[in-house]
Amino acid sequence: MDLTLTTRDAGGKTIVAVGGEIDVYTAPKLRDKITELVAAGVYDIVIDMEEVEFLDSTGLGVLVGGLKKVRAHDGSLQLVCNQDRLLKIFRITGLAKVFVIHETADAALASS
């Protein structure tokens, strides 16, 4: 399964819609996209994970790394996730307390 990334600007934030599996093989693609956005001066990022079918520890590491990158510029990295199996991973790892997780992209855009 491949990883698909679609980027769009909305409401002053950049949404990166992710589809497929975020694992040891595909996570570098997501990391590179986040690095590229931050290098271009984009510090408010929403990672939309509604189409993500699988997430492993490598993927979690990329998300945490991305959060650190944007926070270095007083930015934010928020997640859109409404799948119980993925939300469970965030709860078990304690990352549900680290990330702001929204049910929908619209909710993420409405937050400040």
PDB file of N, CA and C in Angstrom:
ATOM      1  N   MET A   1       0.839  -1.191   0.000  1.00  0.00           N
ATOM      2  CA  MET A   1       0.000   0.000   0.000  1.00  0.00           C
ATOM      3  C   MET A   1       0.874   1.241   0.000  1.00  0.00           C
ATOM      4  N   ASP A   2       0.603   2.146  -0.888  1.00  0.00           N
ATOM      5  CA  ASP A   2       1.357   3.384  -0.982  1.00  0.00           C
ATOM      6  C   ASP A   2       0.780   4.453  -0.072  1.00  0.00           C
ATOM      7  N   LEU A   3       1.554   5.508   0.071  1.00  0.00           N
ATOM      8  CA  LEU A   3       1.116   6.662   0.832  1.00  0.00           C
ATOM      9  C   LEU A   3       0.803   7.784  -0.154  1.00  0.00           C
ATOM     10  N   THR A   4      -0.375   8.385  -0.010  1.00  0.00           N
ATOM     11  CA  THR A   4      -0.706   9.522  -0.862  1.00  0.00           C
ATOM     12  C   THR A   4      -0.741  10.783   0.005  1.00  0.00           C
ATOM     13  N   LEU A   5      -0.225  11.867  -0.553  1.00  0.00           N
ATOM     14  CA  LEU A   5      -0.211  13.146   0.143  1.00  0.00           C
ATOM     15  C   LEU A   5      -0.809  14.205  -0.774  1.00  0.00           C
ATOM     16  N   THR A   6      -1.806  14.914  -0.283  1.00  0.00           N
ATOM     17  CA  THR A   6      -2.412  16.005  -1.032  1.00  0.00           C
ATOM     18  C   THR A   6      -2.394  17.233  -0.136  1.00  0.00           C
ATOM     19  N   THR A   7      -1.840  18.313  -0.642  1.00  0.00           N
ATOM     20  CA  THR A   7      -1.717  19.531   0.159  1.00  0.00           C
ATOM     21  C   THR A   7      -2.630  20.607  -0.378  1.00  0.00           C
ATOM     22  N   ARG A   8      -3.307  21.306   0.538  1.00  0.00           N
ATOM     23  CA  ARG A   8      -4.133  22.444   0.132  1.00  0.00           C
ATOM     24  C   ARG A   8      -4.139  23.480   1.252  1.00  0.00           C
ATOM     25  N   ASP A   9      -4.287  24.732   0.858  1.00  0.00           N
ATOM     26  CA  ASP A   9      -4.363  25.819   1.829  1.00  0.00           C
ATOM     27  C   ASP A   9      -5.821  26.124   2.110  1.00  0.00           C
ATOM     28  N   ALA A  10      -6.116  26.362   3.388  1.00  0.00           N
ATOM     29  CA  ALA A  10      -7.485  26.698   3.783  1.00  0.00           C
ATOM     30  C   ALA A  10      -7.451  27.478   5.087  1.00  0.00           C
ATOM     31  N   GLY A  11      -8.037  28.628   5.076  1.00  0.00           N
ATOM     32  CA  GLY A  11      -8.168  29.401   6.313  1.00  0.00           C
ATOM     33  C   GLY A  11      -6.853  29.720   6.992  1.00  0.00           C
ATOM     34  N   GLY A  12      -5.807  29.981   6.228  1.00  0.00           N
ATOM     35  CA  GLY A  12      -4.519  30.330   6.819  1.00  0.00           C
ATOM     36  C   GLY A  12      -3.705  29.144   7.294  1.00  0.00           C
ATOM     37  N   LYS A  13      -4.246  27.961   7.119  1.00  0.00           N
ATOM     38  CA  LYS A  13      -3.526  26.745   7.500  1.00  0.00           C
ATOM     39  C   LYS A  13      -3.298  25.891   6.260  1.00  0.00           C
ATOM     40  N   THR A  14      -2.334  25.031   6.332  1.00  0.00           N
ATOM     41  CA  THR A  14      -2.085  24.103   5.240  1.00  0.00           C
ATOM     42  C   THR A  14      -2.534  22.718   5.674  1.00  0.00           C
ATOM     43  N   ILE A  15      -3.423  22.133   4.897  1.00  0.00           N
ATOM     44  CA  ILE A  15      -3.925  20.785   5.197  1.00  0.00           C
ATOM     45  C   ILE A  15      -3.159  19.786   4.334  1.00  0.00           C
ATOM     46  N   VAL A  16      -2.598  18.785   4.985  1.00  0.00           N
ATOM     47  CA  VAL A  16      -1.953  17.686   4.270  1.00  0.00           C
ATOM     48  C   VAL A  16      -2.844  16.460   4.473  1.00  0.00           C
ATOM     49  N   ALA A  17      -3.576  16.094   3.418  1.00  0.00           N
ATOM     50  CA  ALA A  17      -4.444  14.911   3.477  1.00  0.00           C
ATOM     51  C   ALA A  17      -3.589  13.687   3.174  1.00  0.00           C
ATOM     52  N   VAL A  18      -3.584  12.753   4.114  1.00  0.00           N
ATOM     53  CA  VAL A  18      -2.753  11.562   3.990  1.00  0.00           C
ATOM     54  C   VAL A  18      -3.653  10.357   3.762  1.00  0.00           C
ATOM     55  N   GLY A  19      -3.271   9.505   2.823  1.00  0.00           N
ATOM     56  CA  GLY A  19      -4.040   8.298   2.550  1.00  0.00           C
ATOM     57  C   GLY A  19      -3.118   7.099   2.495  1.00  0.00           C
ATOM     58  N   GLY A  20      -3.631   5.950   2.904  1.00  0.00           N
ATOM     59  CA  GLY A  20      -2.844   4.721   2.836  1.00  0.00           C
ATOM     60  C   GLY A  20      -2.233   4.359   4.173  1.00  0.00           C
ATOM     61  N   GLU A  21      -1.001   3.892   4.126  1.00  0.00           N
ATOM     62  CA  GLU A  21      -0.328   3.415   5.331  1.00  0.00           C
ATOM     63  C   GLU A  21       0.886   4.281   5.642  1.00  0.00           C
ATOM     64  N   ILE A  22       1.005   4.681   6.917  1.00  0.00           N
ATOM     65  CA  ILE A  22       2.192   5.409   7.364  1.00  0.00           C
ATOM     66  C   ILE A  22       3.023   4.407   8.158  1.00  0.00           C
ATOM     67  N   ASP A  23       4.058   3.879   7.501  1.00  0.00           N
ATOM     68  CA  ASP A  23       4.893   2.874   8.151  1.00  0.00           C
ATOM     69  C   ASP A  23       6.367   3.155   7.873  1.00  0.00           C
ATOM     70  N   VAL A  24       7.215   2.215   8.229  1.00  0.00           N
ATOM     71  CA  VAL A  24       8.664   2.409   8.100  1.00  0.00           C
ATOM     72  C   VAL A  24       9.081   2.711   6.660  1.00  0.00           C
ATOM     73  N   TYR A  25       8.315   2.234   5.699  1.00  0.00           N
ATOM     74  CA  TYR A  25       8.656   2.444   4.291  1.00  0.00           C
ATOM     75  C   TYR A  25       8.135   3.772   3.749  1.00  0.00           C
ATOM     76  N   THR A  26       6.955   4.183   4.205  1.00  0.00           N
ATOM     77  CA  THR A  26       6.320   5.370   3.637  1.00  0.00           C
ATOM     78  C   THR A  26       6.479   6.627   4.488  1.00  0.00           C
ATOM     79  N   ALA A  27       6.801   6.473   5.760  1.00  0.00           N
ATOM     80  CA  ALA A  27       6.904   7.622   6.667  1.00  0.00           C
ATOM     81  C   ALA A  27       7.891   8.690   6.187  1.00  0.00           C
ATOM     82  N   PRO A  28       9.026   8.310   5.578  1.00  0.00           N
ATOM     83  CA  PRO A  28       9.947   9.367   5.102  1.00  0.00           C
ATOM     84  C   PRO A  28       9.303  10.326   4.108  1.00  0.00           C
ATOM     85  N   LYS A  29       8.338   9.848   3.334  1.00  0.00           N
ATOM     86  CA  LYS A  29       7.640  10.704   2.375  1.00  0.00           C
ATOM     87  C   LYS A  29       6.860  11.797   3.114  1.00  0.00           C
ATOM     88  N   LEU A  30       6.206  11.421   4.213  1.00  0.00           N
ATOM     89  CA  LEU A  30       5.463  12.385   5.020  1.00  0.00           C
ATOM     90  C   LEU A  30       6.436  13.336   5.717  1.00  0.00           C
ATOM     91  N   ARG A  31       7.510  12.791   6.258  1.00  0.00           N
ATOM     92  CA  ARG A  31       8.522  13.629   6.920  1.00  0.00           C
ATOM     93  C   ARG A  31       9.076  14.671   5.946  1.00  0.00           C
ATOM     94  N   ASP A  32       9.382  14.245   4.734  1.00  0.00           N
ATOM     95  CA  ASP A  32       9.915  15.163   3.727  1.00  0.00           C
ATOM     96  C   ASP A  32       8.917  16.270   3.393  1.00  0.00           C
ATOM     97  N   LYS A  33       7.634  15.916   3.321  1.00  0.00           N
ATOM     98  CA  LYS A  33       6.587  16.907   3.014  1.00  0.00           C
ATOM     99  C   LYS A  33       6.498  17.944   4.132  1.00  0.00           C
ATOM    100  N   ILE A  34       6.519  17.492   5.385  1.00  0.00           N
ATOM    101  CA  ILE A  34       6.456  18.423   6.521  1.00  0.00           C
ATOM    102  C   ILE A  34       7.697  19.320   6.525  1.00  0.00           C
ATOM    103  N   THR A  35       8.876  18.729   6.303  1.00  0.00           N
ATOM    104  CA  THR A  35      10.127  19.493   6.267  1.00  0.00           C
ATOM    105  C   THR A  35      10.080  20.542   5.160  1.00  0.00           C
ATOM    106  N   GLU A  36       9.571  20.143   4.005  1.00  0.00           N
ATOM    107  CA  GLU A  36       9.455  21.042   2.851  1.00  0.00           C
ATOM    108  C   GLU A  36       8.527  22.219   3.167  1.00  0.00           C
ATOM    109  N   LEU A  37       7.398  21.941   3.826  1.00  0.00           N
ATOM    110  CA  LEU A  37       6.451  23.001   4.183  1.00  0.00           C
ATOM    111  C   LEU A  37       7.076  23.981   5.169  1.00  0.00           C
ATOM    112  N   VAL A  38       7.735  23.456   6.210  1.00  0.00           N
ATOM    113  CA  VAL A  38       8.359  24.310   7.220  1.00  0.00           C
ATOM    114  C   VAL A  38       9.468  25.155   6.584  1.00  0.00           C
ATOM    115  N   ALA A  39      10.239  24.551   5.698  1.00  0.00           N
ATOM    116  CA  ALA A  39      11.308  25.284   5.004  1.00  0.00           C
ATOM    117  C   ALA A  39      10.732  26.416   4.153  1.00  0.00           C
ATOM    118  N   ALA A  40       9.489  26.242   3.688  1.00  0.00           N
ATOM    119  CA  ALA A  40       8.834  27.257   2.866  1.00  0.00           C
ATOM    120  C   ALA A  40       8.100  28.299   3.717  1.00  0.00           C
ATOM    121  N   GLY A  41       8.240  28.181   5.037  1.00  0.00           N
ATOM    122  CA  GLY A  41       7.614  29.161   5.921  1.00  0.00           C
ATOM    123  C   GLY A  41       6.199  28.832   6.340  1.00  0.00           C
ATOM    124  N   VAL A  42       5.796  27.592   6.181  1.00  0.00           N
ATOM    125  CA  VAL A  42       4.451  27.155   6.599  1.00  0.00           C
ATOM    126  C   VAL A  42       4.570  26.526   7.983  1.00  0.00           C
ATOM    127  N   TYR A  43       3.936  27.179   8.976  1.00  0.00           N
ATOM    128  CA  TYR A  43       4.082  26.704  10.360  1.00  0.00           C
ATOM    129  C   TYR A  43       2.766  26.274  11.004  1.00  0.00           C
ATOM    130  N   ASP A  44       1.655  26.426  10.311  1.00  0.00           N
ATOM    131  CA  ASP A  44       0.364  25.958  10.832  1.00  0.00           C
ATOM    132  C   ASP A  44      -0.139  24.862   9.901  1.00  0.00           C
ATOM    133  N   ILE A  45       0.066  23.631  10.350  1.00  0.00           N
ATOM    134  CA  ILE A  45      -0.206  22.467   9.502  1.00  0.00           C
ATOM    135  C   ILE A  45      -1.269  21.588  10.151  1.00  0.00           C
ATOM    136  N   VAL A  46      -2.175  21.103   9.324  1.00  0.00           N
ATOM    137  CA  VAL A  46      -3.183  20.133   9.757  1.00  0.00           C
ATOM    138  C   VAL A  46      -2.923  18.850   8.971  1.00  0.00           C
ATOM    139  N   ILE A  47      -2.665  17.765   9.674  1.00  0.00           N
ATOM    140  CA  ILE A  47      -2.478  16.465   9.030  1.00  0.00           C
ATOM    141  C   ILE A  47      -3.822  15.732   9.087  1.00  0.00           C
ATOM    142  N   ASP A  48      -4.450  15.600   7.927  1.00  0.00           N
ATOM    143  CA  ASP A  48      -5.759  14.941   7.836  1.00  0.00           C
ATOM    144  C   ASP A  48      -5.546  13.455   7.607  1.00  0.00           C
ATOM    145  N   MET A  49      -5.856  12.661   8.630  1.00  0.00           N
ATOM    146  CA  MET A  49      -5.595  11.219   8.601  1.00  0.00           C
ATOM    147  C   MET A  49      -6.854  10.389   8.391  1.00  0.00           C
ATOM    148  N   GLU A  50      -7.896  11.002   7.824  1.00  0.00           N
ATOM    149  CA  GLU A  50      -9.161  10.282   7.639  1.00  0.00           C
ATOM    150  C   GLU A  50      -9.020   9.077   6.710  1.00  0.00           C
ATOM    151  N   GLU A  51      -8.074   9.143   5.769  1.00  0.00           N
ATOM    152  CA  GLU A  51      -7.897   8.048   4.809  1.00  0.00           C
ATOM    153  C   GLU A  51      -6.715   7.133   5.154  1.00  0.00           C
ATOM    154  N   VAL A  52      -6.165   7.313   6.360  1.00  0.00           N
ATOM    155  CA  VAL A  52      -5.025   6.474   6.772  1.00  0.00           C
ATOM    156  C   VAL A  52      -5.544   5.128   7.258  1.00  0.00           C
ATOM    157  N   GLU A  53      -4.969   4.066   6.699  1.00  0.00           N
ATOM    158  CA  GLU A  53      -5.416   2.724   7.058  1.00  0.00           C
ATOM    159  C   GLU A  53      -4.519   2.062   8.099  1.00  0.00           C
ATOM    160  N   PHE A  54      -3.276   2.549   8.215  1.00  0.00           N
ATOM    161  CA  PHE A  54      -2.337   1.930   9.147  1.00  0.00           C
ATOM    162  C   PHE A  54      -1.320   2.969   9.597  1.00  0.00           C
ATOM    163  N   LEU A  55      -0.934   2.917  10.867  1.00  0.00           N
ATOM    164  CA  LEU A  55       0.056   3.833  11.425  1.00  0.00           C
ATOM    165  C   LEU A  55       0.936   3.043  12.380  1.00  0.00           C
ATOM    166  N   ASP A  56       2.274   3.100  12.157  1.00  0.00           N
ATOM    167  CA  ASP A  56       3.161   2.395  13.082  1.00  0.00           C
ATOM    168  C   ASP A  56       4.028   3.402  13.848  1.00  0.00           C
ATOM    169  N   SER A  57       4.960   2.898  14.638  1.00  0.00           N
ATOM    170  CA  SER A  57       5.775   3.768  15.487  1.00  0.00           C
ATOM    171  C   SER A  57       6.628   4.732  14.669  1.00  0.00           C
ATOM    172  N   THR A  58       7.041   4.315  13.480  1.00  0.00           N
ATOM    173  CA  THR A  58       7.819   5.213  12.619  1.00  0.00           C
ATOM    174  C   THR A  58       6.963   6.413  12.223  1.00  0.00           C
ATOM    175  N   GLY A  59       5.709   6.147  11.877  1.00  0.00           N
ATOM    176  CA  GLY A  59       4.781   7.221  11.536  1.00  0.00           C
ATOM    177  C   GLY A  59       4.540   8.159  12.706  1.00  0.00           C
ATOM    178  N   LEU A  60       4.404   7.595  13.907  1.00  0.00           N
ATOM    179  CA  LEU A  60       4.229   8.423  15.100  1.00  0.00           C
ATOM    180  C   LEU A  60       5.448   9.315  15.292  1.00  0.00           C
ATOM    181  N   GLY A  61       6.624   8.753  15.061  1.00  0.00           N
ATOM    182  CA  GLY A  61       7.866   9.512  15.203  1.00  0.00           C
ATOM    183  C   GLY A  61       7.922  10.682  14.233  1.00  0.00           C
ATOM    184  N   VAL A  62       7.448  10.464  13.015  1.00  0.00           N
ATOM    185  CA  VAL A  62       7.423  11.531  12.013  1.00  0.00           C
ATOM    186  C   VAL A  62       6.474  12.645  12.454  1.00  0.00           C
ATOM    187  N   LEU A  63       5.323  12.277  12.993  1.00  0.00           N
ATOM    188  CA  LEU A  63       4.361  13.280  13.460  1.00  0.00           C
ATOM    189  C   LEU A  63       4.935  14.090  14.624  1.00  0.00           C
ATOM    190  N   VAL A  64       5.584  13.414  15.562  1.00  0.00           N
ATOM    191  CA  VAL A  64       6.207  14.111  16.699  1.00  0.00           C
ATOM    192  C   VAL A  64       7.325  15.030  16.203  1.00  0.00           C
ATOM    193  N   GLY A  65       8.126  14.539  15.262  1.00  0.00           N
ATOM    194  CA  GLY A  65       9.190  15.356  14.684  1.00  0.00           C
ATOM    195  C   GLY A  65       8.636  16.589  13.990  1.00  0.00           C
ATOM    196  N   GLY A  66       7.529  16.403  13.271  1.00  0.00           N
ATOM    197  CA  GLY A  66       6.877  17.526  12.603  1.00  0.00           C
ATOM    198  C   GLY A  66       6.367  18.559  13.596  1.00  0.00           C
ATOM    199  N   LEU A  67       5.812  18.066  14.713  1.00  0.00           N
ATOM    200  CA  LEU A  67       5.318  18.958  15.760  1.00  0.00           C
ATOM    201  C   LEU A  67       6.466  19.800  16.312  1.00  0.00           C
ATOM    202  N   LYS A  68       7.610  19.167  16.547  1.00  0.00           N
ATOM    203  CA  LYS A  68       8.780  19.895  17.060  1.00  0.00           C
ATOM    204  C   LYS A  68       9.242  20.955  16.055  1.00  0.00           C
ATOM    205  N   LYS A  69       9.212  20.615  14.776  1.00  0.00           N
ATOM    206  CA  LYS A  69       9.652  21.558  13.734  1.00  0.00           C
ATOM    207  C   LYS A  69       8.779  22.813  13.712  1.00  0.00           C
ATOM    208  N   VAL A  70       7.459  22.638  13.750  1.00  0.00           N
ATOM    209  CA  VAL A  70       6.576  23.808  13.676  1.00  0.00           C
ATOM    210  C   VAL A  70       6.584  24.596  14.982  1.00  0.00           C
ATOM    211  N   ARG A  71       6.723  23.899  16.104  1.00  0.00           N
ATOM    212  CA  ARG A  71       6.764  24.597  17.394  1.00  0.00           C
ATOM    213  C   ARG A  71       8.013  25.465  17.517  1.00  0.00           C
ATOM    214  N   ALA A  72       9.083  25.090  16.851  1.00  0.00           N
ATOM    215  CA  ALA A  72      10.301  25.904  16.859  1.00  0.00           C
ATOM    216  C   ALA A  72      10.044  27.269  16.231  1.00  0.00           C
ATOM    217  N   HIS A  73       8.957  27.374  15.456  1.00  0.00           N
ATOM    218  CA  HIS A  73       8.575  28.634  14.810  1.00  0.00           C
ATOM    219  C   HIS A  73       7.255  29.160  15.375  1.00  0.00           C
ATOM    220  N   ASP A  74       6.915  28.725  16.608  1.00  0.00           N
ATOM    221  CA  ASP A  74       5.650  29.102  17.245  1.00  0.00           C
ATOM    222  C   ASP A  74       4.439  28.710  16.407  1.00  0.00           C
ATOM    223  N   GLY A  75       4.557  27.603  15.681  1.00  0.00           N
ATOM    224  CA  GLY A  75       3.462  27.121  14.845  1.00  0.00           C
ATOM    225  C   GLY A  75       2.682  26.013  15.531  1.00  0.00           C
ATOM    226  N   SER A  76       1.832  25.354  14.735  1.00  0.00           N
ATOM    227  CA  SER A  76       1.034  24.253  15.281  1.00  0.00           C
ATOM    228  C   SER A  76       0.917  23.135  14.258  1.00  0.00           C
ATOM    229  N   LEU A  77       0.850  21.932  14.750  1.00  0.00           N
ATOM    230  CA  LEU A  77       0.596  20.773  13.908  1.00  0.00           C
ATOM    231  C   LEU A  77      -0.567  20.038  14.563  1.00  0.00           C
ATOM    232  N   GLN A  78      -1.719  20.079  13.909  1.00  0.00           N
ATOM    233  CA  GLN A  78      -2.919  19.436  14.445  1.00  0.00           C
ATOM    234  C   GLN A  78      -3.270  18.235  13.576  1.00  0.00           C
ATOM    235  N   LEU A  79      -3.979  17.309  14.176  1.00  0.00           N
ATOM    236  CA  LEU A  79      -4.353  16.091  13.462  1.00  0.00           C
ATOM    237  C   LEU A  79      -5.862  16.022  13.281  1.00  0.00           C
ATOM    238  N   VAL A  80      -6.269  15.444  12.165  1.00  0.00           N
ATOM    239  CA  VAL A  80      -7.672  15.091  11.960  1.00  0.00           C
ATOM    240  C   VAL A  80      -7.713  13.573  11.945  1.00  0.00           C
ATOM    241  N   CYS A  81      -8.394  13.019  12.926  1.00  0.00           N
ATOM    242  CA  CYS A  81      -8.460  11.556  13.035  1.00  0.00           C
ATOM    243  C   CYS A  81      -9.763  11.181  13.719  1.00  0.00           C
ATOM    244  N   ASN A  82     -10.532  10.323  13.069  1.00  0.00           N
ATOM    245  CA  ASN A  82     -11.800   9.898  13.668  1.00  0.00           C
ATOM    246  C   ASN A  82     -11.950   8.376  13.650  1.00  0.00           C
ATOM    247  N   GLN A  83     -10.832   7.687  13.458  1.00  0.00           N
ATOM    248  CA  GLN A  83     -10.877   6.230  13.435  1.00  0.00           C
ATOM    249  C   GLN A  83     -10.428   5.690  14.800  1.00  0.00           C
ATOM    250  N   ASP A  84     -11.267   4.874  15.397  1.00  0.00           N
ATOM    251  CA  ASP A  84     -10.977   4.372  16.740  1.00  0.00           C
ATOM    252  C   ASP A  84      -9.647   3.648  16.839  1.00  0.00           C
ATOM    253  N   ARG A  85      -9.316   2.849  15.808  1.00  0.00           N
ATOM    254  CA  ARG A  85      -8.070   2.077  15.912  1.00  0.00           C
ATOM    255  C   ARG A  85      -6.837   2.972  15.897  1.00  0.00           C
ATOM    256  N   LEU A  86      -6.912   4.097  15.187  1.00  0.00           N
ATOM    257  CA  LEU A  86      -5.793   5.048  15.203  1.00  0.00           C
ATOM    258  C   LEU A  86      -5.806   5.880  16.477  1.00  0.00           C
ATOM    259  N   LEU A  87      -6.986   6.305  16.914  1.00  0.00           N
ATOM    260  CA  LEU A  87      -7.092   7.088  18.142  1.00  0.00           C
ATOM    261  C   LEU A  87      -6.579   6.287  19.338  1.00  0.00           C
ATOM    262  N   LYS A  88      -6.813   4.982  19.297  1.00  0.00           N
ATOM    263  CA  LYS A  88      -6.336   4.104  20.370  1.00  0.00           C
ATOM    264  C   LYS A  88      -4.807   4.140  20.458  1.00  0.00           C
ATOM    265  N   ILE A  89      -4.133   4.169  19.308  1.00  0.00           N
ATOM    266  CA  ILE A  89      -2.669   4.250  19.287  1.00  0.00           C
ATOM    267  C   ILE A  89      -2.208   5.538  19.969  1.00  0.00           C
ATOM    268  N   PHE A  90      -2.883   6.655  19.660  1.00  0.00           N
ATOM    269  CA  PHE A  90      -2.514   7.930  20.275  1.00  0.00           C
ATOM    270  C   PHE A  90      -2.760   7.906  21.787  1.00  0.00           C
ATOM    271  N   ARG A  91      -3.854   7.260  22.208  1.00  0.00           N
ATOM    272  CA  ARG A  91      -4.145   7.176  23.650  1.00  0.00           C
ATOM    273  C   ARG A  91      -3.121   6.302  24.363  1.00  0.00           C
ATOM    274  N   ILE A  92      -2.837   5.135  23.808  1.00  0.00           N
ATOM    275  CA  ILE A  92      -1.903   4.187  24.437  1.00  0.00           C
ATOM    276  C   ILE A  92      -0.509   4.797  24.592  1.00  0.00           C
ATOM    277  N   THR A  93      -0.071   5.529  23.583  1.00  0.00           N
ATOM    278  CA  THR A  93       1.274   6.108  23.601  1.00  0.00           C
ATOM    279  C   THR A  93       1.344   7.416  24.389  1.00  0.00           C
ATOM    280  N   GLY A  94       0.196   7.938  24.805  1.00  0.00           N
ATOM    281  CA  GLY A  94       0.170   9.204  25.519  1.00  0.00           C
ATOM    282  C   GLY A  94       0.203  10.404  24.589  1.00  0.00           C
ATOM    283  N   LEU A  95       0.246  10.157  23.281  1.00  0.00           N
ATOM    284  CA  LEU A  95       0.332  11.258  22.322  1.00  0.00           C
ATOM    285  C   LEU A  95      -0.996  11.985  22.128  1.00  0.00           C
ATOM    286  N   ALA A  96      -2.075  11.396  22.639  1.00  0.00           N
ATOM    287  CA  ALA A  96      -3.374  12.086  22.569  1.00  0.00           C
ATOM    288  C   ALA A  96      -3.325  13.356  23.411  1.00  0.00           C
ATOM    289  N   LYS A  97      -2.410  13.402  24.397  1.00  0.00           N
ATOM    290  CA  LYS A  97      -2.250  14.592  25.229  1.00  0.00           C
ATOM    291  C   LYS A  97      -1.290  15.597  24.599  1.00  0.00           C
ATOM    292  N   VAL A  98      -0.494  15.136  23.636  1.00  0.00           N
ATOM    293  CA  VAL A  98       0.517  15.986  22.998  1.00  0.00           C
ATOM    294  C   VAL A  98      -0.066  16.696  21.779  1.00  0.00           C
ATOM    295  N   PHE A  99      -0.840  15.957  21.003  1.00  0.00           N
ATOM    296  CA  PHE A  99      -1.430  16.505  19.776  1.00  0.00           C
ATOM    297  C   PHE A  99      -2.845  17.008  20.020  1.00  0.00           C
ATOM    298  N   VAL A 100      -3.219  18.038  19.283  1.00  0.00           N
ATOM    299  CA  VAL A 100      -4.618  18.454  19.226  1.00  0.00           C
ATOM    300  C   VAL A 100      -5.229  17.622  18.107  1.00  0.00           C
ATOM    301  N   ILE A 101      -6.220  16.788  18.465  1.00  0.00           N
ATOM    302  CA  ILE A 101      -6.822  15.878  17.491  1.00  0.00           C
ATOM    303  C   ILE A 101      -8.286  16.277  17.279  1.00  0.00           C
ATOM    304  N   HIS A 102      -8.632  16.505  16.023  1.00  0.00           N
ATOM    305  CA  HIS A 102      -9.995  16.906  15.662  1.00  0.00           C
ATOM    306  C   HIS A 102     -10.692  15.762  14.922  1.00  0.00           C
ATOM    307  N   GLU A 103     -12.037  15.803  14.956  1.00  0.00           N
ATOM    308  CA  GLU A 103     -12.828  14.797  14.252  1.00  0.00           C
ATOM    309  C   GLU A 103     -12.869  15.060  12.753  1.00  0.00           C
ATOM    310  N   THR A 104     -12.851  16.345  12.368  1.00  0.00           N
ATOM    311  CA  THR A 104     -12.961  16.712  10.949  1.00  0.00           C
ATOM    312  C   THR A 104     -11.979  17.832  10.623  1.00  0.00           C
ATOM    313  N   ALA A 105     -11.685  17.972   9.343  1.00  0.00           N
ATOM    314  CA  ALA A 105     -10.815  19.057   8.884  1.00  0.00           C
ATOM    315  C   ALA A 105     -11.470  20.411   9.180  1.00  0.00           C
ATOM    316  N   ASP A 106     -12.784  20.501   9.056  1.00  0.00           N
ATOM    317  CA  ASP A 106     -13.478  21.753   9.340  1.00  0.00           C
ATOM    318  C   ASP A 106     -13.289  22.158  10.793  1.00  0.00           C
ATOM    319  N   ALA A 107     -13.327  21.195  11.701  1.00  0.00           N
ATOM    320  CA  ALA A 107     -13.129  21.489  13.130  1.00  0.00           C
ATOM    321  C   ALA A 107     -11.706  21.994  13.360  1.00  0.00           C
ATOM    322  N   ALA A 108     -10.747  21.409  12.652  1.00  0.00           N
ATOM    323  CA  ALA A 108      -9.353  21.837  12.783  1.00  0.00           C
ATOM    324  C   ALA A 108      -9.187  23.278  12.283  1.00  0.00           C
ATOM    325  N   LEU A 109      -9.857  23.587  11.180  1.00  0.00           N
ATOM    326  CA  LEU A 109      -9.758  24.931  10.623  1.00  0.00           C
ATOM    327  C   LEU A 109     -10.444  25.965  11.503  1.00  0.00           C
ATOM    328  N   ALA A 110     -11.479  25.544  12.192  1.00  0.00           N
ATOM    329  CA  ALA A 110     -12.228  26.463  13.060  1.00  0.00           C
ATOM    330  C   ALA A 110     -11.455  26.781  14.343  1.00  0.00           C
ATOM    331  N   SER A 111     -10.531  25.916  14.718  1.00  0.00           N
ATOM    332  CA  SER A 111      -9.767  26.161  15.942  1.00  0.00           C
ATOM    333  C   SER A 111      -8.656  27.159  15.644  1.00  0.00           C
ATOM    334  N   SER A 112      -8.209  27.817  16.695  1.00  0.00           N
ATOM    335  CA  SER A 112      -7.147  28.815  16.471  1.00  0.00           C
ATOM    336  C   SER A 112      -5.777  28.230  16.723  1.00  0.00           C
TER     337      SER A 112
END
